[in-house]
Structure formats: C-alpha cells, structure tokens
Amino acid sequence: MELFHKICVVLLIVGGLNWGLVGLFSFDAVGWLLGGSASLLSRIVYTLVGAAAIGAIPGLCGMGSRG
C-alpha cells in the first residue's frame, strides 16, 4: 500500500500544480505536454489524478493504514 500512496501523492502534486497554472495563467501544462487537453494521453492523466484523489480520501479521513 505504501507504493500506492506514493503514486497518489505524485499524481496529486501534478494535478495541483496543473490547476495552479490554470488558475494563475490559464495554462494547462498537462494538455500542453501531451498534445492538448482533449488528447487521449491528457485525458488518461486527468483520470489518474482524479483516481488518486479518490484513493487519498481514506488517508485524509484517518482511515488509511499506517504501516
């Protein structure tokens, strides 16, 4: 599970930085790097970031294991 949590954190950082850039500069770094926000690769990354957010909820609520 530790690897899963590390992957979630990395994806959440990517998503957070991307949303920060969108909010501050109207610049979608994921879309820019992967061929536009509608490209298949960008949509996969967006989906993985969303899944990582869902996967991080138990840890936020104190239900995640510490082991």
PDB file of N, CA and C in Angstrom:
ATOM      1  N   MET A   1       0.816  -1.197   0.000  1.00  0.00           N
ATOM      2  CA  MET A   1       0.000   0.000   0.000  1.00  0.00           C
ATOM      3  C   MET A   1       0.858   1.258   0.000  1.00  0.00           C
ATOM      4  N   GLU A   2       2.062   1.156   0.518  1.00  0.00           N
ATOM      5  CA  GLU A   2       2.907   2.343   0.574  1.00  0.00           C
ATOM      6  C   GLU A   2       3.215   2.873  -0.827  1.00  0.00           C
ATOM      7  N   LEU A   3       3.470   1.981  -1.772  1.00  0.00           N
ATOM      8  CA  LEU A   3       3.726   2.403  -3.148  1.00  0.00           C
ATOM      9  C   LEU A   3       2.495   3.088  -3.735  1.00  0.00           C
ATOM     10  N   PHE A   4       1.316   2.527  -3.459  1.00  0.00           N
ATOM     11  CA  PHE A   4       0.068   3.124  -3.919  1.00  0.00           C
ATOM     12  C   PHE A   4      -0.071   4.552  -3.411  1.00  0.00           C
ATOM     13  N   HIS A   5       0.215   4.769  -2.140  1.00  0.00           N
ATOM     14  CA  HIS A   5       0.098   6.108  -1.562  1.00  0.00           C
ATOM     15  C   HIS A   5       1.120   7.076  -2.160  1.00  0.00           C
ATOM     16  N   LYS A   6       2.316   6.594  -2.424  1.00  0.00           N
ATOM     17  CA  LYS A   6       3.334   7.452  -3.042  1.00  0.00           C
ATOM     18  C   LYS A   6       2.918   7.855  -4.455  1.00  0.00           C
ATOM     19  N   ILE A   7       2.358   6.913  -5.205  1.00  0.00           N
ATOM     20  CA  ILE A   7       1.878   7.224  -6.549  1.00  0.00           C
ATOM     21  C   ILE A   7       0.746   8.249  -6.465  1.00  0.00           C
ATOM     22  N   CYS A   8      -0.160   8.058  -5.509  1.00  0.00           N
ATOM     23  CA  CYS A   8      -1.255   9.020  -5.324  1.00  0.00           C
ATOM     24  C   CYS A   8      -0.719  10.413  -5.032  1.00  0.00           C
ATOM     25  N   VAL A   9       0.265  10.503  -4.155  1.00  0.00           N
ATOM     26  CA  VAL A   9       0.823  11.812  -3.803  1.00  0.00           C
ATOM     27  C   VAL A   9       1.461  12.468  -5.025  1.00  0.00           C
ATOM     28  N   VAL A  10       2.210  11.711  -5.802  1.00  0.00           N
ATOM     29  CA  VAL A  10       2.837  12.275  -7.010  1.00  0.00           C
ATOM     30  C   VAL A  10       1.771  12.782  -7.975  1.00  0.00           C
ATOM     31  N   LEU A  11       0.727  11.984  -8.190  1.00  0.00           N
ATOM     32  CA  LEU A  11      -0.339  12.408  -9.095  1.00  0.00           C
ATOM     33  C   LEU A  11      -1.086  13.619  -8.552  1.00  0.00           C
ATOM     34  N   LEU A  12      -1.288  13.687  -7.248  1.00  0.00           N
ATOM     35  CA  LEU A  12      -1.955  14.849  -6.659  1.00  0.00           C
ATOM     36  C   LEU A  12      -1.104  16.109  -6.779  1.00  0.00           C
ATOM     37  N   ILE A  13       0.202  15.965  -6.675  1.00  0.00           N
ATOM     38  CA  ILE A  13       1.098  17.110  -6.871  1.00  0.00           C
ATOM     39  C   ILE A  13       1.029  17.588  -8.319  1.00  0.00           C
ATOM     40  N   VAL A  14       1.066  16.644  -9.263  1.00  0.00           N
ATOM     41  CA  VAL A  14       0.945  17.010 -10.682  1.00  0.00           C
ATOM     42  C   VAL A  14      -0.366  17.748 -10.917  1.00  0.00           C
ATOM     43  N   GLY A  15      -1.452  17.189 -10.397  1.00  0.00           N
ATOM     44  CA  GLY A  15      -2.759  17.822 -10.575  1.00  0.00           C
ATOM     45  C   GLY A  15      -2.841  19.185  -9.914  1.00  0.00           C
ATOM     46  N   GLY A  16      -2.307  19.284  -8.710  1.00  0.00           N
ATOM     47  CA  GLY A  16      -2.343  20.565  -8.008  1.00  0.00           C
ATOM     48  C   GLY A  16      -1.534  21.640  -8.714  1.00  0.00           C
ATOM     49  N   LEU A  17      -0.352  21.280  -9.164  1.00  0.00           N
ATOM     50  CA  LEU A  17       0.462  22.245  -9.909  1.00  0.00           C
ATOM     51  C   LEU A  17      -0.219  22.653 -11.212  1.00  0.00           C
ATOM     52  N   ASN A  18      -0.821  21.685 -11.888  1.00  0.00           N
ATOM     53  CA  ASN A  18      -1.500  21.996 -13.139  1.00  0.00           C
ATOM     54  C   ASN A  18      -2.672  22.951 -12.886  1.00  0.00           C
ATOM     55  N   TRP A  19      -3.479  22.672 -11.857  1.00  0.00           N
ATOM     56  CA  TRP A  19      -4.604  23.563 -11.552  1.00  0.00           C
ATOM     57  C   TRP A  19      -4.122  24.938 -11.116  1.00  0.00           C
ATOM     58  N   GLY A  20      -2.993  24.995 -10.416  1.00  0.00           N
ATOM     59  CA  GLY A  20      -2.423  26.293 -10.062  1.00  0.00           C
ATOM     60  C   GLY A  20      -2.041  27.097 -11.293  1.00  0.00           C
ATOM     61  N   LEU A  21      -1.437  26.426 -12.261  1.00  0.00           N
ATOM     62  CA  LEU A  21      -1.075  27.103 -13.510  1.00  0.00           C
ATOM     63  C   LEU A  21      -2.315  27.537 -14.285  1.00  0.00           C
ATOM     64  N   VAL A  22      -3.347  26.691 -14.279  1.00  0.00           N
ATOM     65  CA  VAL A  22      -4.585  27.060 -14.959  1.00  0.00           C
ATOM     66  C   VAL A  22      -5.193  28.285 -14.283  1.00  0.00           C
ATOM     67  N   GLY A  23      -5.231  28.291 -12.967  1.00  0.00           N
ATOM     68  CA  GLY A  23      -5.827  29.406 -12.242  1.00  0.00           C
ATOM     69  C   GLY A  23      -5.055  30.708 -12.373  1.00  0.00           C
ATOM     70  N   LEU A  24      -3.742  30.618 -12.335  1.00  0.00           N
ATOM     71  CA  LEU A  24      -2.921  31.835 -12.375  1.00  0.00           C
ATOM     72  C   LEU A  24      -2.683  32.355 -13.787  1.00  0.00           C
ATOM     73  N   PHE A  25      -2.458  31.451 -14.712  1.00  0.00           N
ATOM     74  CA  PHE A  25      -2.006  31.862 -16.037  1.00  0.00           C
ATOM     75  C   PHE A  25      -2.851  31.330 -17.195  1.00  0.00           C
ATOM     76  N   SER A  26      -3.932  30.628 -16.887  1.00  0.00           N
ATOM     77  CA  SER A  26      -4.756  29.976 -17.920  1.00  0.00           C
ATOM     78  C   SER A  26      -3.898  29.073 -18.809  1.00  0.00           C
ATOM     79  N   PHE A  27      -2.972  28.372 -18.179  1.00  0.00           N
ATOM     80  CA  PHE A  27      -2.053  27.492 -18.901  1.00  0.00           C
ATOM     81  C   PHE A  27      -2.205  26.070 -18.393  1.00  0.00           C
ATOM     82  N   ASP A  28      -2.624  25.163 -19.242  1.00  0.00           N
ATOM     83  CA  ASP A  28      -2.788  23.755 -18.905  1.00  0.00           C
ATOM     84  C   ASP A  28      -1.509  23.014 -19.292  1.00  0.00           C
ATOM     85  N   ALA A  29      -0.626  22.796 -18.301  1.00  0.00           N
ATOM     86  CA  ALA A  29       0.663  22.169 -18.572  1.00  0.00           C
ATOM     87  C   ALA A  29       0.504  20.722 -19.042  1.00  0.00           C
ATOM     88  N   VAL A  30      -0.436  19.984 -18.452  1.00  0.00           N
ATOM     89  CA  VAL A  30      -0.647  18.593 -18.868  1.00  0.00           C
ATOM     90  C   VAL A  30      -1.100  18.561 -20.321  1.00  0.00           C
ATOM     91  N   GLY A  31      -2.061  19.391 -20.658  1.00  0.00           N
ATOM     92  CA  GLY A  31      -2.526  19.461 -22.042  1.00  0.00           C
ATOM     93  C   GLY A  31      -1.427  19.887 -22.988  1.00  0.00           C
ATOM     94  N   TRP A  32      -0.645  20.855 -22.569  1.00  0.00           N
ATOM     95  CA  TRP A  32       0.450  21.356 -23.409  1.00  0.00           C
ATOM     96  C   TRP A  32       1.493  20.261 -23.649  1.00  0.00           C
ATOM     97  N   LEU A  33       1.834  19.519 -22.599  1.00  0.00           N
ATOM     98  CA  LEU A  33       2.851  18.484 -22.732  1.00  0.00           C
ATOM     99  C   LEU A  33       2.366  17.269 -23.523  1.00  0.00           C
ATOM    100  N   LEU A  34       1.059  17.000 -23.460  1.00  0.00           N
ATOM    101  CA  LEU A  34       0.560  15.743 -24.010  1.00  0.00           C
ATOM    102  C   LEU A  34      -0.349  15.917 -25.218  1.00  0.00           C
ATOM    103  N   GLY A  35      -0.279  17.051 -25.888  1.00  0.00           N
ATOM    104  CA  GLY A  35      -0.984  17.204 -27.152  1.00  0.00           C
ATOM    105  C   GLY A  35      -2.370  17.805 -27.075  1.00  0.00           C
ATOM    106  N   GLY A  36      -2.618  18.613 -26.083  1.00  0.00           N
ATOM    107  CA  GLY A  36      -3.926  19.257 -25.964  1.00  0.00           C
ATOM    108  C   GLY A  36      -4.769  18.613 -24.876  1.00  0.00           C
ATOM    109  N   SER A  37      -5.674  19.387 -24.313  1.00  0.00           N
ATOM    110  CA  SER A  37      -6.454  18.885 -23.183  1.00  0.00           C
ATOM    111  C   SER A  37      -7.450  17.802 -23.586  1.00  0.00           C
ATOM    112  N   ALA A  38      -7.757  17.684 -24.865  1.00  0.00           N
ATOM    113  CA  ALA A  38      -8.692  16.661 -25.323  1.00  0.00           C
ATOM    114  C   ALA A  38      -7.983  15.403 -25.840  1.00  0.00           C
ATOM    115  N   SER A  39      -6.651  15.395 -25.835  1.00  0.00           N
ATOM    116  CA  SER A  39      -5.939  14.217 -26.339  1.00  0.00           C
ATOM    117  C   SER A  39      -6.119  13.040 -25.386  1.00  0.00           C
ATOM    118  N   LEU A  40      -5.965  11.856 -25.915  1.00  0.00           N
ATOM    119  CA  LEU A  40      -6.144  10.650 -25.120  1.00  0.00           C
ATOM    120  C   LEU A  40      -5.167  10.613 -23.940  1.00  0.00           C
ATOM    121  N   LEU A  41      -3.913  10.965 -24.173  1.00  0.00           N
ATOM    122  CA  LEU A  41      -2.924  10.933 -23.093  1.00  0.00           C
ATOM    123  C   LEU A  41      -3.274  11.914 -21.980  1.00  0.00           C
ATOM    124  N   SER A  42      -3.703  13.118 -22.341  1.00  0.00           N
ATOM    125  CA  SER A  42      -4.094  14.099 -21.333  1.00  0.00           C
ATOM    126  C   SER A  42      -5.281  13.594 -20.530  1.00  0.00           C
ATOM    127  N   ARG A  43      -6.245  13.019 -21.213  1.00  0.00           N
ATOM    128  CA  ARG A  43      -7.430  12.510 -20.520  1.00  0.00           C
ATOM    129  C   ARG A  43      -7.075  11.367 -19.586  1.00  0.00           C
ATOM    130  N   ILE A  44      -6.088  10.556 -19.967  1.00  0.00           N
ATOM    131  CA  ILE A  44      -5.633   9.480 -19.079  1.00  0.00           C
ATOM    132  C   ILE A  44      -5.003  10.074 -17.826  1.00  0.00           C
ATOM    133  N   VAL A  45      -4.155  11.093 -18.002  1.00  0.00           N
ATOM    134  CA  VAL A  45      -3.524  11.727 -16.843  1.00  0.00           C
ATOM    135  C   VAL A  45      -4.579  12.374 -15.949  1.00  0.00           C
ATOM    136  N   TYR A  46      -5.540  13.086 -16.538  1.00  0.00           N
ATOM    137  CA  TYR A  46      -6.604  13.699 -15.738  1.00  0.00           C
ATOM    138  C   TYR A  46      -7.375  12.634 -14.972  1.00  0.00           C
ATOM    139  N   THR A  47      -7.651  11.503 -15.606  1.00  0.00           N
ATOM    140  CA  THR A  47      -8.376  10.417 -14.951  1.00  0.00           C
ATOM    141  C   THR A  47      -7.555   9.823 -13.808  1.00  0.00           C
ATOM    142  N   LEU A  48      -6.257   9.646 -14.023  1.00  0.00           N
ATOM    143  CA  LEU A  48      -5.396   9.121 -12.971  1.00  0.00           C
ATOM    144  C   LEU A  48      -5.299  10.079 -11.791  1.00  0.00           C
ATOM    145  N   VAL A  49      -5.257  11.370 -12.055  1.00  0.00           N
ATOM    146  CA  VAL A  49      -5.228  12.358 -10.968  1.00  0.00           C
ATOM    147  C   VAL A  49      -6.528  12.286 -10.172  1.00  0.00           C
ATOM    148  N   GLY A  50      -7.646  12.163 -10.864  1.00  0.00           N
ATOM    149  CA  GLY A  50      -8.930  12.018 -10.170  1.00  0.00           C
ATOM    150  C   GLY A  50      -8.984  10.748  -9.346  1.00  0.00           C
ATOM    151  N   ALA A  51      -8.491   9.651  -9.894  1.00  0.00           N
ATOM    152  CA  ALA A  51      -8.456   8.389  -9.152  1.00  0.00           C
ATOM    153  C   ALA A  51      -7.540   8.488  -7.937  1.00  0.00           C
ATOM    154  N   ALA A  52      -6.421   9.204  -8.085  1.00  0.00           N
ATOM    155  CA  ALA A  52      -5.518   9.399  -6.950  1.00  0.00           C
ATOM    156  C   ALA A  52      -6.196  10.213  -5.848  1.00  0.00           C
ATOM    157  N   ALA A  53      -6.993  11.192  -6.230  1.00  0.00           N
ATOM    158  CA  ALA A  53      -7.724  11.978  -5.234  1.00  0.00           C
ATOM    159  C   ALA A  53      -8.707  11.094  -4.477  1.00  0.00           C
ATOM    160  N   ILE A  54      -9.408  10.225  -5.195  1.00  0.00           N
ATOM    161  CA  ILE A  54     -10.333   9.298  -4.541  1.00  0.00           C
ATOM    162  C   ILE A  54      -9.561   8.333  -3.637  1.00  0.00           C
ATOM    163  N   GLY A  55      -8.413   7.872  -4.115  1.00  0.00           N
ATOM    164  CA  GLY A  55      -7.592   6.959  -3.317  1.00  0.00           C
ATOM    165  C   GLY A  55      -6.995   7.609  -2.081  1.00  0.00           C
ATOM    166  N   ALA A  56      -6.869   8.930  -2.070  1.00  0.00           N
ATOM    167  CA  ALA A  56      -6.298   9.640  -0.929  1.00  0.00           C
ATOM    168  C   ALA A  56      -7.338   9.957   0.147  1.00  0.00           C
ATOM    169  N   ILE A  57      -8.619   9.818  -0.158  1.00  0.00           N
ATOM    170  CA  ILE A  57      -9.668  10.157   0.807  1.00  0.00           C
ATOM    171  C   ILE A  57      -9.558   9.360   2.105  1.00  0.00           C
ATOM    172  N   PRO A  58      -9.342   8.045   2.070  1.00  0.00           N
ATOM    173  CA  PRO A  58      -9.236   7.324   3.350  1.00  0.00           C
ATOM    174  C   PRO A  58      -8.104   7.844   4.244  1.00  0.00           C
ATOM    175  N   GLY A  59      -6.983   8.204   3.640  1.00  0.00           N
ATOM    176  CA  GLY A  59      -5.878   8.749   4.432  1.00  0.00           C
ATOM    177  C   GLY A  59      -6.217  10.099   5.044  1.00  0.00           C
ATOM    178  N   LEU A  60      -6.975  10.881   4.331  1.00  0.00           N
ATOM    179  CA  LEU A  60      -7.385  12.190   4.821  1.00  0.00           C
ATOM    180  C   LEU A  60      -8.353  12.046   5.992  1.00  0.00           C
ATOM    181  N   CYS A  61      -9.204  11.054   5.923  1.00  0.00           N
ATOM    182  CA  CYS A  61     -10.210  10.825   6.964  1.00  0.00           C
ATOM    183  C   CYS A  61      -9.678   9.996   8.128  1.00  0.00           C
ATOM    184  N   GLY A  62      -8.404   9.636   8.087  1.00  0.00           N
ATOM    185  CA  GLY A  62      -7.818   8.863   9.161  1.00  0.00           C
ATOM    186  C   GLY A  62      -8.120   7.377   9.083  1.00  0.00           C
ATOM    187  N   MET A  63      -8.652   6.925   7.964  1.00  0.00           N
ATOM    188  CA  MET A  63      -8.983   5.507   7.812  1.00  0.00           C
ATOM    189  C   MET A  63      -7.846   4.736   7.142  1.00  0.00           C
ATOM    190  N   GLY A  64      -6.834   5.439   6.668  1.00  0.00           N
ATOM    191  CA  GLY A  64      -5.739   4.754   5.980  1.00  0.00           C
ATOM    192  C   GLY A  64      -4.835   4.048   6.970  1.00  0.00           C
ATOM    193  N   SER A  65      -4.192   2.984   6.515  1.00  0.00           N
ATOM    194  CA  SER A  65      -3.297   2.226   7.404  1.00  0.00           C
ATOM    195  C   SER A  65      -1.953   2.922   7.474  1.00  0.00           C
ATOM    196  N   ARG A  66      -1.344   2.850   8.617  1.00  0.00           N
ATOM    197  CA  ARG A  66      -0.009   3.407   8.825  1.00  0.00           C
ATOM    198  C   ARG A  66       0.952   2.239   9.034  1.00  0.00           C
ATOM    199  N   GLY A  67       1.396   1.673   7.938  1.00  0.00           N
ATOM    200  CA  GLY A  67       2.219   0.514   8.169  1.00  0.00           C
ATOM    201  C   GLY A  67       3.238   0.385   7.181  1.00  0.00           C
TER     202      GLY A  67
END
